[in-house]
Amino acid sequence: MLKADIDSRQDTKNKTLWFNAWRYEGREEGQAALIHAILAQLEKDLTLKEQAKDLIKKVKDSVSALKLGKFLLQTAVTFTPDVDQFINCFRDESERVASSMQSFEEDFKRLLEAAKLERILVFIDDLDRCSSTKVIEIFETIKLFLNTPACTFVIGAHAEKIEQAVGLVHSIDDPKTRRDYLEKIVQMPFTIPAQRLSDITCYVGMLILGRGLDDDGWSALVKSRPGFYSTPEPLADFRTWAEDHRLWFDSRDGGVEAVVEDLAEVLPHVDILGRGLRGNPRQIKRFLNTLALRRALASANALDIDARTLIKLAVLEYSWPDFFDLLTDTTNPSTGRSPLIEDVLRAETDKTIAEESPVVADALGRVGLLEYLKADPALGAELDLGPYLFLAQTSLSRGQPAALRPAEEITQQLIAGIATNDALRSKAAAQRVASSEPTVVAGCVRALLRVLPTIKEPGLQTHVVRGLDIITERHSEHTGAILSVVNELDFDGREGLALAAAGLLSKATRRGVPEPPELLARLKKASRLVVAMFPEQSKASRKR
């Protein structure tokens, strides 16, 4: 913004230079890149006298990047230059170009006078992305120009990372000494204030509008920016601005109607998005880019999605990433429904659900999460998340999609998922087994039946039986073998296990699978609730 403002004045006496330090990372010539960039800027678009051109050429030709870098690194935190090393940075012509630091400063001053410049402003960007050694090289190079009032440097960087670089290169552990190093170079520090929600709302709204504007339209929007900060109805004001400047929007991109639709879908969630991303402008812009990409992919692949739900899930992904990972891992692949969302919503009134699942209990403890799930458009248990999770795989934060793996490896992972103390994870793993190919299903069932009688913990046995029950809903051919093993379990004092087994038995009876001898009687003895599940059998027993 500063550079654009200065350049817009068309002041020939002030010249700006944009220097991206990261561009020279890893390149040997980068040690003197800043000096060469400044000298090149003096030559660009300037009519210089031959004497000045010759002087620039001599300086540029005589600078040895390797020796200069060595000299700059030897200039310690004391800010005292080594004049002898400086002179050795130049070849034979150095005696005529710069025999001392003072000579260098005088030569550079004469260059600015010959170019008829009062000031050259060098904007240094992305310095905090560079290695520590490169950071110090740039700062030591800047020192050469500090005694030249006509040369001003504007550095955009993360101060703490620069201080870390100082400590690493110069072996300084004391934080105060690190800061002192910066204070010797930076005369006017400026820290960007923390963004308010109104700032973020304005930023997001302008980004959405700006996508469809040309340069003239963007300039007009920027002039209107102050009014967007203080408005109590930002959505209405952005919509009004778009309608009033309809001709500036490209009809090939949907025109103003598409922009207004984007505003209506995104701005209501800005408060949650801003907090989830901690107001980071780069991440907010990346979120909007990701959202636009997913909408385009959904359209290209004819996916049946709701735009508002897509945005809501994207906000959920950014604001509660751990919960979204669980959502991805536990969603039923055959139906696209989420047992996680279902249990979290039910747990609000049924406390036993959270007691059986640490995952659900953790989700209920996330500030604002439950309210966000219930807010319009609600993310309910009946929602098919399949197409949305497919699109989420395109995100950098989601990592690579799982590759095809051997059946044995998949089986082992699913078995471990079912035989867990978390009811939700166990249920989700069982649903994945039920949706797998027959060989994987058969392998999982055999392995679970082997391990089931050896489990000592009643709660874990209960989860395994419930998981087997879920599997038989789609693979009933395994019901008889499962009932035979369940019949050998001890149900005394284990009401939860008895209820899980009774549910399995009830479905088996409806399918016509033979009932193992005495199993129902043992289940009724263990739990009165089982008696209520089989009223007809109880009535028949009383008649006998």
Protein backbone atom coordinates (compact mmCIF):
# COMPACT_ATOMS: atom_id res chain seq x y z
CA MET A 1 0.00 0.00 0.00
CA LEU A 2 2.85 2.36 0.80
CA LYS A 3 4.63 1.62 -2.47
CA ALA A 4 1.43 1.98 -4.50
CA ASP A 5 0.68 5.31 -2.85
CA ILE A 6 4.16 6.69 -3.58
CA ASP A 7 4.20 5.41 -7.16
CA SER A 8 0.78 6.93 -7.84
CA ARG A 9 2.14 10.41 -7.17
CA GLN A 10 4.38 10.17 -10.26
CA ASP A 11 7.12 12.01 -8.40
CA THR A 12 10.34 11.67 -10.42
CA LYS A 13 12.45 12.74 -7.46
CA ASN A 14 11.48 9.67 -5.42
CA LYS A 15 12.13 6.16 -6.73
CA THR A 16 10.83 2.91 -5.24
CA LEU A 17 12.31 -0.57 -5.43
CA TRP A 18 10.61 -3.82 -4.44
CA PHE A 19 13.15 -6.42 -3.28
CA ASN A 20 11.92 -9.95 -2.51
CA ALA A 21 14.61 -11.43 -0.29
CA TRP A 22 13.21 -14.97 -0.51
CA ARG A 23 13.75 -14.94 -4.28
CA TYR A 24 17.50 -15.07 -3.69
CA GLU A 25 17.39 -17.78 -1.03
CA GLY A 26 19.98 -20.47 -1.74
CA ARG A 27 21.70 -18.48 -4.49
CA GLU A 28 25.31 -17.47 -3.95
CA GLU A 29 24.91 -14.20 -5.81
CA GLY A 30 22.17 -13.26 -3.42
CA GLN A 31 24.81 -12.03 -0.99
CA ALA A 32 25.22 -8.89 -3.08
CA ALA A 33 21.79 -9.00 -4.72
CA LEU A 34 20.46 -6.07 -2.74
CA ILE A 35 23.30 -3.76 -3.79
CA HIS A 36 22.99 -4.77 -7.43
CA ALA A 37 19.20 -4.30 -7.30
CA ILE A 38 19.58 -0.76 -5.95
CA LEU A 39 22.18 0.17 -8.55
CA ALA A 40 20.06 -1.34 -11.31
CA GLN A 41 17.09 0.75 -10.20
CA LEU A 42 19.18 3.90 -10.51
CA GLU A 43 19.94 3.00 -14.12
CA LYS A 44 16.34 2.12 -15.00
CA ASP A 45 14.37 4.78 -16.82
CA LEU A 46 16.91 7.45 -15.92
CA THR A 47 18.98 9.68 -18.16
CA LEU A 48 22.41 9.74 -16.53
CA LYS A 49 25.56 11.48 -17.46
CA GLU A 50 28.28 9.27 -18.85
CA GLN A 51 30.36 9.88 -15.74
CA ALA A 52 27.57 8.49 -13.50
CA LYS A 53 27.03 5.51 -15.77
CA ASP A 54 30.72 4.72 -15.65
CA LEU A 55 30.71 4.97 -11.87
CA ILE A 56 27.78 2.56 -11.57
CA LYS A 57 29.47 0.12 -13.92
CA LYS A 58 32.70 0.25 -11.94
CA VAL A 59 30.93 -0.39 -8.65
CA LYS A 60 28.82 -3.25 -10.06
CA ASP A 61 31.74 -4.89 -11.83
CA SER A 62 34.06 -4.61 -8.87
CA VAL A 63 31.79 -6.00 -6.19
CA SER A 64 32.71 -9.58 -5.38
CA ALA A 65 29.57 -11.20 -3.99
CA LEU A 66 31.49 -13.88 -2.15
CA LYS A 67 33.97 -11.51 -0.48
CA LEU A 68 31.28 -8.95 0.24
CA GLY A 69 29.19 -11.58 1.99
CA LYS A 70 32.20 -12.63 4.07
CA PHE A 71 32.86 -9.01 5.02
CA LEU A 72 29.24 -8.39 5.91
CA LEU A 73 29.10 -11.41 8.16
CA GLN A 74 32.26 -10.24 9.90
CA THR A 75 30.62 -6.91 10.67
CA ALA A 76 29.49 -7.79 14.17
CA VAL A 77 26.51 -6.74 16.22
CA THR A 78 28.60 -3.81 17.46
CA PHE A 79 27.68 -2.12 14.17
CA THR A 80 31.36 -1.29 13.63
CA PRO A 81 32.45 -1.96 10.02
CA ASP A 82 35.83 -3.51 9.23
CA VAL A 83 37.23 -1.02 6.73
CA ASP A 84 40.12 -3.28 5.69
CA GLN A 85 37.76 -6.12 4.84
CA PHE A 86 35.50 -3.68 3.00
CA ILE A 87 38.37 -2.58 0.79
CA ASN A 88 39.25 -6.23 0.07
CA CYS A 89 35.74 -6.73 -1.28
CA PHE A 90 36.79 -4.96 -4.45
CA ARG A 91 39.28 -5.90 -7.14
CA ASP A 92 42.03 -3.65 -8.47
CA GLU A 93 39.55 -0.90 -9.32
CA SER A 94 38.51 -0.66 -5.66
CA GLU A 95 41.09 2.01 -4.93
CA ARG A 96 39.33 4.35 -7.37
CA VAL A 97 35.80 3.33 -6.39
CA ALA A 98 35.81 2.94 -2.61
CA SER A 99 38.95 3.09 -0.53
CA SER A 100 36.95 3.29 2.67
CA MET A 101 33.41 3.28 3.99
CA GLN A 102 33.26 7.06 3.68
CA SER A 103 34.27 6.85 0.01
CA PHE A 104 31.50 4.34 -0.67
CA GLU A 105 28.92 6.63 0.95
CA GLU A 106 30.17 9.62 -1.07
CA ASP A 107 30.07 7.65 -4.33
CA PHE A 108 26.53 6.51 -3.70
CA LYS A 109 25.45 10.04 -2.81
CA ARG A 110 26.92 11.32 -6.08
CA LEU A 111 24.96 8.64 -7.96
CA LEU A 112 21.70 9.87 -6.48
CA GLU A 113 22.57 13.45 -7.34
CA ALA A 114 23.42 12.48 -10.91
CA ALA A 115 20.10 10.67 -11.17
CA LYS A 116 18.36 13.78 -9.80
CA LEU A 117 16.79 11.73 -7.03
CA GLU A 118 16.05 13.03 -3.56
CA ARG A 119 15.25 9.61 -2.19
CA ILE A 120 15.21 5.94 -3.14
CA LEU A 121 12.85 3.76 -1.10
CA VAL A 122 13.66 0.05 -0.93
CA PHE A 123 10.81 -2.24 0.16
CA ILE A 124 12.17 -5.58 1.41
CA ASP A 125 9.59 -8.36 1.47
CA ASP A 126 9.54 -11.97 2.75
CA LEU A 127 12.74 -11.57 4.75
CA ASP A 128 11.37 -13.80 7.52
CA ARG A 129 11.02 -16.67 5.04
CA CYS A 130 14.76 -16.74 4.43
CA SER A 131 17.34 -18.79 6.26
CA SER A 132 18.96 -17.17 9.29
CA THR A 133 22.23 -16.63 7.43
CA LYS A 134 20.47 -14.89 4.55
CA VAL A 135 18.53 -12.67 6.97
CA ILE A 136 21.75 -11.42 8.55
CA GLU A 137 23.40 -10.92 5.15
CA ILE A 138 20.57 -8.61 4.10
CA PHE A 139 20.69 -6.64 7.35
CA GLU A 140 24.46 -6.28 7.16
CA THR A 141 24.09 -5.04 3.57
CA ILE A 142 21.55 -2.47 4.70
CA LYS A 143 24.14 -1.12 7.12
CA LEU A 144 26.20 0.11 4.18
CA PHE A 145 23.45 2.54 3.24
CA LEU A 146 22.28 3.71 6.67
CA ASN A 147 24.49 6.78 6.65
CA THR A 148 22.95 7.86 3.36
CA PRO A 149 19.86 9.91 4.29
CA ALA A 150 18.51 9.66 0.74
CA CYS A 151 18.15 5.87 1.03
CA THR A 152 15.23 4.49 3.04
CA PHE A 153 14.43 0.82 3.70
CA VAL A 154 10.95 -0.46 4.54
CA ILE A 155 11.12 -4.03 5.88
CA GLY A 156 8.05 -6.22 6.19
CA ALA A 157 8.83 -9.18 8.43
CA HIS A 158 7.92 -11.11 11.57
CA ALA A 159 10.07 -9.46 14.26
CA GLU A 160 10.43 -12.58 16.41
CA LYS A 161 11.77 -14.63 13.48
CA ILE A 162 14.31 -11.94 12.69
CA GLU A 163 15.43 -11.93 16.32
CA GLN A 164 15.79 -15.72 16.19
CA ALA A 165 18.00 -15.37 13.12
CA VAL A 166 20.23 -12.90 14.96
CA GLY A 167 20.57 -15.32 17.84
CA LEU A 168 21.39 -18.30 15.65
CA VAL A 169 23.99 -16.60 13.44
CA HIS A 170 25.71 -14.60 16.18
CA SER A 171 25.18 -17.17 18.99
CA ILE A 172 23.21 -14.71 21.13
CA ASP A 173 20.85 -16.21 23.71
CA ASP A 174 19.82 -13.01 25.44
CA PRO A 175 16.51 -11.74 23.96
CA LYS A 176 17.34 -8.14 24.87
CA THR A 177 20.62 -8.26 22.93
CA ARG A 178 18.78 -9.64 19.93
CA ARG A 179 16.30 -6.76 20.08
CA ASP A 180 19.15 -4.27 20.45
CA TYR A 181 20.54 -5.50 17.13
CA LEU A 182 17.27 -4.67 15.37
CA GLU A 183 16.91 -1.34 17.13
CA LYS A 184 20.26 -0.23 15.72
CA ILE A 185 18.89 -0.68 12.21
CA VAL A 186 15.14 -0.06 12.49
CA GLN A 187 14.51 3.55 13.49
CA MET A 188 10.72 3.47 13.18
CA PRO A 189 9.04 0.17 14.06
CA PHE A 190 5.39 -0.33 13.20
CA THR A 191 3.32 -3.33 14.26
CA ILE A 192 0.05 -3.95 12.43
CA PRO A 193 -2.73 -3.80 15.04
CA ALA A 194 -4.85 -6.84 15.77
CA GLN A 195 -7.86 -7.09 13.49
CA ARG A 196 -11.37 -6.68 14.80
CA LEU A 197 -14.28 -8.67 13.46
CA SER A 198 -15.47 -5.58 11.61
CA ASP A 199 -12.07 -5.35 9.90
CA ILE A 200 -12.25 -8.99 8.83
CA THR A 201 -15.82 -8.59 7.58
CA CYS A 202 -14.75 -5.62 5.47
CA TYR A 203 -11.72 -7.53 4.18
CA VAL A 204 -13.75 -10.59 3.16
CA GLY A 205 -16.49 -8.49 1.57
CA MET A 206 -13.99 -6.52 -0.49
CA LEU A 207 -12.22 -9.70 -1.59
CA ILE A 208 -15.51 -11.14 -2.84
CA LEU A 209 -16.41 -7.94 -4.67
CA GLY A 210 -12.90 -7.51 -6.02
CA ARG A 211 -12.92 -10.80 -7.90
CA GLY A 212 -15.33 -9.41 -10.45
CA LEU A 213 -13.87 -5.90 -10.77
CA ASP A 214 -11.34 -4.40 -13.12
CA ASP A 215 -8.68 -1.93 -11.93
CA ASP A 216 -10.99 1.08 -12.14
CA GLY A 217 -13.70 -0.75 -10.25
CA TRP A 218 -11.25 -1.81 -7.56
CA SER A 219 -10.02 1.75 -7.13
CA ALA A 220 -13.61 2.90 -6.64
CA LEU A 221 -14.20 0.13 -4.11
CA VAL A 222 -11.08 1.10 -2.15
CA LYS A 223 -12.35 4.67 -1.89
CA SER A 224 -15.58 3.33 -0.37
CA ARG A 225 -13.73 1.21 2.19
CA PRO A 226 -14.05 3.53 5.23
CA GLY A 227 -17.83 3.29 5.05
CA PHE A 228 -17.77 -0.51 5.28
CA TYR A 229 -15.93 -0.55 8.62
CA SER A 230 -18.53 1.19 10.75
CA THR A 231 -21.75 -0.07 9.16
CA PRO A 232 -24.05 -2.23 11.34
CA GLU A 233 -25.29 -4.05 8.21
CA PRO A 234 -22.19 -4.92 6.14
CA LEU A 235 -24.00 -7.47 3.96
CA ALA A 236 -26.65 -4.94 2.96
CA ASP A 237 -24.06 -2.23 2.29
CA PHE A 238 -21.87 -4.50 0.14
CA ARG A 239 -24.93 -5.66 -1.79
CA THR A 240 -26.01 -2.07 -2.35
CA TRP A 241 -22.54 -1.08 -3.56
CA ALA A 242 -22.49 -3.99 -6.01
CA GLU A 243 -25.94 -3.09 -7.36
CA ASP A 244 -24.98 0.58 -7.75
CA HIS A 245 -21.82 -0.36 -9.70
CA ARG A 246 -23.33 -3.19 -11.73
CA LEU A 247 -21.56 -2.21 -14.97
CA TRP A 248 -18.13 -2.86 -13.48
CA PHE A 249 -18.80 -6.59 -12.94
CA ASP A 250 -17.97 -9.06 -15.69
CA SER A 251 -21.08 -10.85 -16.92
CA ARG A 252 -18.97 -13.83 -17.98
CA ASP A 253 -18.39 -14.61 -14.30
CA GLY A 254 -22.08 -14.38 -13.45
CA GLY A 255 -22.14 -10.62 -13.08
CA VAL A 256 -23.33 -8.81 -10.00
CA GLU A 257 -25.86 -11.58 -9.23
CA ALA A 258 -23.08 -14.12 -8.63
CA VAL A 259 -21.21 -11.67 -6.41
CA VAL A 260 -24.31 -10.90 -4.34
CA GLU A 261 -24.94 -14.63 -3.92
CA ASP A 262 -21.37 -15.14 -2.68
CA LEU A 263 -21.76 -12.30 -0.20
CA ALA A 264 -24.99 -13.78 1.18
CA GLU A 265 -23.42 -17.20 1.61
CA VAL A 266 -20.08 -16.20 3.15
CA LEU A 267 -20.51 -13.02 5.22
CA PRO A 268 -22.90 -14.52 7.83
CA HIS A 269 -20.08 -16.91 8.85
CA VAL A 270 -17.27 -14.34 8.97
CA ASP A 271 -17.26 -14.12 12.78
CA ILE A 272 -16.67 -17.87 13.17
CA LEU A 273 -14.24 -17.95 10.26
CA GLY A 274 -12.28 -14.98 11.59
CA ARG A 275 -11.93 -16.50 15.04
CA GLY A 276 -11.05 -19.91 13.66
CA LEU A 277 -8.28 -18.46 11.51
CA ARG A 278 -7.26 -15.92 14.19
CA GLY A 279 -7.82 -13.11 11.71
CA ASN A 280 -4.91 -14.19 9.49
CA PRO A 281 -5.46 -12.38 6.15
CA ARG A 282 -3.47 -14.91 4.12
CA GLN A 283 -5.48 -17.83 5.49
CA ILE A 284 -8.76 -15.98 4.97
CA LYS A 285 -7.87 -15.37 1.33
CA ARG A 286 -6.81 -19.00 0.94
CA PHE A 287 -10.12 -20.10 2.46
CA LEU A 288 -12.06 -18.10 -0.14
CA ASN A 289 -9.87 -19.49 -2.93
CA THR A 290 -10.38 -23.04 -1.68
CA LEU A 291 -14.11 -22.49 -1.46
CA ALA A 292 -14.25 -21.17 -5.03
CA LEU A 293 -12.25 -24.17 -6.27
CA ARG A 294 -14.55 -26.66 -4.53
CA ARG A 295 -17.65 -25.03 -5.94
CA ALA A 296 -16.14 -25.24 -9.42
CA LEU A 297 -15.22 -28.91 -8.91
CA ALA A 298 -18.70 -29.70 -7.63
CA SER A 299 -20.21 -28.13 -10.72
CA ALA A 300 -17.79 -29.89 -13.08
CA ASN A 301 -18.47 -33.28 -11.47
CA ALA A 302 -22.24 -32.74 -11.18
CA LEU A 303 -22.15 -33.29 -7.42
CA ASP A 304 -25.42 -32.78 -5.59
CA ILE A 305 -24.41 -30.21 -2.98
CA ASP A 306 -25.95 -27.26 -1.23
CA ALA A 307 -23.78 -24.13 -1.51
CA ARG A 308 -24.57 -22.99 2.04
CA THR A 309 -23.75 -26.42 3.46
CA LEU A 310 -20.49 -26.49 1.49
CA ILE A 311 -19.49 -23.17 3.04
CA LYS A 312 -20.54 -24.27 6.51
CA LEU A 313 -18.48 -27.46 6.33
CA ALA A 314 -15.51 -25.50 5.00
CA VAL A 315 -15.75 -23.15 7.99
CA LEU A 316 -16.02 -26.20 10.27
CA GLU A 317 -12.89 -27.63 8.64
CA TYR A 318 -10.90 -24.44 9.24
CA SER A 319 -12.27 -23.52 12.68
CA TRP A 320 -12.42 -26.96 14.31
CA PRO A 321 -9.87 -29.03 12.31
CA ASP A 322 -9.57 -31.84 14.88
CA PHE A 323 -13.34 -32.34 14.94
CA PHE A 324 -13.44 -32.30 11.13
CA ASP A 325 -10.77 -35.00 11.00
CA LEU A 326 -12.91 -37.17 13.29
CA LEU A 327 -15.93 -36.41 11.13
CA THR A 328 -14.04 -37.64 8.08
CA ASP A 329 -12.78 -40.78 9.83
CA THR A 330 -16.15 -41.79 11.30
CA THR A 331 -18.64 -41.00 8.53
CA ASN A 332 -20.50 -44.04 7.23
CA PRO A 333 -19.08 -44.60 3.72
CA SER A 334 -22.23 -46.33 2.44
CA THR A 335 -24.72 -43.63 3.48
CA GLY A 336 -22.54 -40.57 3.98
CA ARG A 337 -24.18 -40.01 7.35
CA SER A 338 -22.17 -39.04 10.38
CA PRO A 339 -22.60 -40.98 13.65
CA LEU A 340 -20.38 -38.32 15.22
CA ILE A 341 -22.82 -35.50 14.47
CA GLU A 342 -25.74 -37.74 15.45
CA ASP A 343 -24.23 -38.65 18.82
CA VAL A 344 -23.10 -35.09 19.58
CA LEU A 345 -26.64 -33.79 19.00
CA ARG A 346 -28.22 -36.62 21.01
CA ALA A 347 -25.71 -36.25 23.84
CA GLU A 348 -27.11 -32.82 24.62
CA THR A 349 -30.06 -34.59 26.30
CA ASP A 350 -28.71 -38.14 26.76
CA LYS A 351 -25.69 -37.93 29.06
CA THR A 352 -24.85 -41.64 28.73
CA ILE A 353 -23.65 -41.12 25.16
CA ALA A 354 -20.82 -38.83 26.28
CA GLU A 355 -19.96 -41.26 29.08
CA GLU A 356 -19.43 -44.05 26.55
CA SER A 357 -17.47 -41.92 24.06
CA PRO A 358 -14.58 -39.61 25.01
CA VAL A 359 -14.74 -38.28 21.44
CA VAL A 360 -18.32 -37.08 21.94
CA ALA A 361 -17.50 -35.67 25.38
CA ASP A 362 -14.60 -33.71 23.89
CA ALA A 363 -16.81 -32.34 21.10
CA LEU A 364 -19.40 -31.14 23.63
CA GLY A 365 -16.62 -29.27 25.42
CA ARG A 366 -15.63 -27.29 22.30
CA VAL A 367 -16.86 -23.73 22.76
CA GLY A 368 -19.46 -22.83 20.15
CA LEU A 369 -19.26 -26.13 18.24
CA LEU A 370 -22.67 -27.55 19.22
CA GLU A 371 -24.36 -24.22 18.50
CA TYR A 372 -22.62 -24.06 15.13
CA LEU A 373 -23.78 -27.56 14.16
CA LYS A 374 -27.37 -26.66 14.99
CA ALA A 375 -27.36 -23.23 13.33
CA ASP A 376 -29.00 -22.85 9.92
CA PRO A 377 -28.25 -24.68 7.70
CA ALA A 378 -28.14 -27.38 10.36
CA LEU A 379 -25.70 -30.26 10.02
CA GLY A 380 -28.04 -33.08 10.99
CA ALA A 381 -27.62 -36.82 11.31
CA GLU A 382 -29.49 -37.41 8.02
CA LEU A 383 -27.15 -35.26 5.91
CA ASP A 384 -25.17 -37.10 3.22
CA LEU A 385 -21.62 -35.83 3.72
CA GLY A 386 -20.17 -37.94 0.91
CA PRO A 387 -19.78 -35.28 -1.80
CA TYR A 388 -18.59 -32.67 0.69
CA LEU A 389 -15.89 -34.93 2.13
CA PHE A 390 -14.85 -35.87 -1.41
CA LEU A 391 -14.23 -32.19 -2.13
CA ALA A 392 -12.43 -31.76 1.22
CA GLN A 393 -9.72 -34.13 -0.01
CA THR A 394 -8.50 -31.32 -2.29
CA SER A 395 -7.40 -29.30 0.74
CA LEU A 396 -3.73 -28.98 1.57
CA SER A 397 -4.53 -29.52 5.25
CA ARG A 398 -6.25 -32.85 4.62
CA GLY A 399 -3.15 -34.55 3.21
CA GLN A 400 -3.07 -37.19 0.51
CA PRO A 401 -6.13 -39.43 0.01
CA ALA A 402 -5.61 -42.97 1.27
CA ALA A 403 -4.13 -45.24 -1.37
CA LEU A 404 -5.40 -48.74 -2.09
CA ARG A 405 -3.99 -51.08 0.57
CA PRO A 406 -3.82 -54.86 0.99
CA ALA A 407 -6.95 -56.44 2.47
CA GLU A 408 -4.99 -57.71 5.48
CA GLU A 409 -3.79 -54.22 6.39
CA ILE A 410 -7.31 -52.78 6.09
CA THR A 411 -8.72 -55.64 8.17
CA GLN A 412 -6.27 -55.10 11.02
CA GLN A 413 -7.03 -51.40 11.16
CA LEU A 414 -10.79 -51.95 11.18
CA ILE A 415 -10.59 -54.62 13.87
CA ALA A 416 -8.62 -52.26 16.09
CA GLY A 417 -11.26 -49.59 15.45
CA ILE A 418 -14.14 -51.83 16.53
CA ALA A 419 -12.37 -53.24 19.60
CA THR A 420 -12.00 -49.85 21.28
CA ASN A 421 -13.44 -48.32 24.44
CA ASP A 422 -14.93 -45.40 22.53
CA ALA A 423 -18.47 -46.30 21.48
CA LEU A 424 -18.54 -43.81 18.60
CA ARG A 425 -15.24 -44.94 17.08
CA SER A 426 -16.30 -48.56 17.43
CA LYS A 427 -19.62 -47.88 15.69
CA ALA A 428 -17.94 -45.94 12.87
CA ALA A 429 -15.37 -48.71 12.29
CA ALA A 430 -18.16 -51.31 12.14
CA GLN A 431 -19.97 -49.22 9.53
CA ARG A 432 -16.80 -49.13 7.47
CA VAL A 433 -16.48 -52.91 7.71
CA ALA A 434 -20.11 -53.30 6.60
CA SER A 435 -19.34 -51.16 3.53
CA SER A 436 -16.19 -53.09 2.62
CA GLU A 437 -15.72 -55.84 0.08
CA PRO A 438 -16.77 -59.38 1.14
CA THR A 439 -13.22 -60.65 1.74
CA VAL A 440 -12.52 -57.80 4.17
CA VAL A 441 -15.86 -58.35 5.94
CA ALA A 442 -15.23 -62.08 6.34
CA GLY A 443 -11.71 -61.48 7.64
CA CYS A 444 -12.90 -58.92 10.20
CA VAL A 445 -15.71 -61.17 11.45
CA ARG A 446 -13.39 -64.17 11.89
CA ALA A 447 -10.81 -62.10 13.74
CA LEU A 448 -13.40 -60.47 16.03
CA LEU A 449 -14.97 -63.82 16.88
CA ARG A 450 -11.54 -65.17 17.83
CA VAL A 451 -10.80 -62.26 20.15
CA LEU A 452 -14.30 -61.71 21.60
CA PRO A 453 -14.27 -64.54 24.22
CA THR A 454 -10.81 -63.49 25.45
CA ILE A 455 -11.77 -59.89 26.24
CA LYS A 456 -12.01 -59.37 30.00
CA GLU A 457 -13.50 -55.87 30.01
CA PRO A 458 -17.33 -55.97 29.74
CA GLY A 459 -17.57 -52.55 28.05
CA LEU A 460 -15.13 -53.58 25.33
CA GLN A 461 -17.03 -56.82 24.75
CA THR A 462 -20.22 -54.79 24.41
CA HIS A 463 -18.72 -52.59 21.72
CA VAL A 464 -17.51 -55.60 19.74
CA VAL A 465 -20.95 -57.26 19.88
CA ARG A 466 -22.61 -54.02 18.78
CA GLY A 467 -20.11 -53.76 15.96
CA LEU A 468 -20.88 -57.32 14.83
CA ASP A 469 -24.58 -56.46 14.96
CA ILE A 470 -23.98 -53.51 12.58
CA ILE A 471 -22.03 -55.76 10.21
CA THR A 472 -24.84 -58.35 10.04
CA GLU A 473 -27.31 -55.69 8.88
CA ARG A 474 -25.65 -55.85 5.45
CA HIS A 475 -23.96 -59.24 5.72
CA SER A 476 -26.51 -61.52 7.36
CA GLU A 477 -24.67 -64.65 6.21
CA HIS A 478 -22.35 -64.25 9.22
CA THR A 479 -25.19 -64.10 11.77
CA GLY A 480 -25.21 -67.81 12.70
CA ALA A 481 -21.46 -67.96 13.37
CA ILE A 482 -21.63 -64.76 15.42
CA LEU A 483 -24.52 -66.06 17.57
CA SER A 484 -22.64 -69.29 18.27
CA VAL A 485 -19.71 -67.35 19.77
CA VAL A 486 -21.94 -64.84 21.59
CA ASN A 487 -23.76 -67.80 23.18
CA GLU A 488 -20.54 -68.73 25.00
CA LEU A 489 -20.17 -65.33 26.71
CA ASP A 490 -20.84 -64.70 30.38
CA PHE A 491 -23.71 -62.22 30.83
CA ASP A 492 -24.02 -62.29 34.63
CA GLY A 493 -23.87 -58.72 35.96
CA ARG A 494 -23.24 -57.38 32.44
CA GLU A 495 -26.49 -55.74 31.43
CA GLY A 496 -24.97 -53.67 28.64
CA LEU A 497 -23.45 -56.75 27.02
CA ALA A 498 -26.78 -58.61 27.42
CA LEU A 499 -28.68 -55.79 25.69
CA ALA A 500 -26.19 -55.72 22.80
CA ALA A 501 -26.51 -59.48 22.37
CA ALA A 502 -30.31 -59.26 22.60
CA GLY A 503 -30.35 -56.70 19.77
CA LEU A 504 -28.30 -59.05 17.64
CA LEU A 505 -30.58 -61.96 18.54
CA SER A 506 -33.74 -59.98 17.76
CA LYS A 507 -32.59 -59.25 14.20
CA ALA A 508 -31.47 -62.84 13.75
CA THR A 509 -34.90 -64.11 14.80
CA ARG A 510 -36.59 -61.88 12.23
CA ARG A 511 -34.29 -63.29 9.56
CA GLY A 512 -35.15 -66.84 10.56
CA VAL A 513 -31.70 -67.70 11.90
CA PRO A 514 -31.95 -70.53 14.49
CA GLU A 515 -31.62 -69.36 18.09
CA PRO A 516 -28.83 -70.99 20.12
CA PRO A 517 -30.19 -73.08 23.03
CA GLU A 518 -30.84 -71.18 26.27
CA LEU A 519 -29.31 -67.93 24.93
CA LEU A 520 -32.51 -65.92 25.26
CA ALA A 521 -33.18 -67.23 28.75
CA ARG A 522 -29.68 -66.25 29.88
CA LEU A 523 -30.10 -62.78 28.40
CA LYS A 524 -33.44 -62.25 30.18
CA LYS A 525 -31.87 -63.33 33.43
CA ALA A 526 -29.11 -60.75 32.99
CA SER A 527 -31.43 -57.82 32.14
CA ARG A 528 -35.09 -57.03 32.65
CA LEU A 529 -34.94 -54.84 29.56
CA VAL A 530 -34.37 -57.94 27.46
CA VAL A 531 -37.73 -59.30 28.69
CA ALA A 532 -39.44 -56.24 27.23
CA MET A 533 -37.62 -56.77 23.93
CA PHE A 534 -39.09 -60.30 23.55
CA PRO A 535 -42.67 -60.05 24.92
CA GLU A 536 -44.09 -62.80 22.69
CA GLN A 537 -41.49 -65.33 23.78
CA SER A 538 -42.17 -64.44 27.45
CA LYS A 539 -45.94 -64.93 27.00
CA ALA A 540 -45.38 -68.28 25.29
CA SER A 541 -43.13 -69.40 28.15
CA ARG A 542 -45.82 -68.57 30.73
CA LYS A 543 -48.39 -70.67 28.78
CA ARG A 544 -46.02 -73.63 28.77
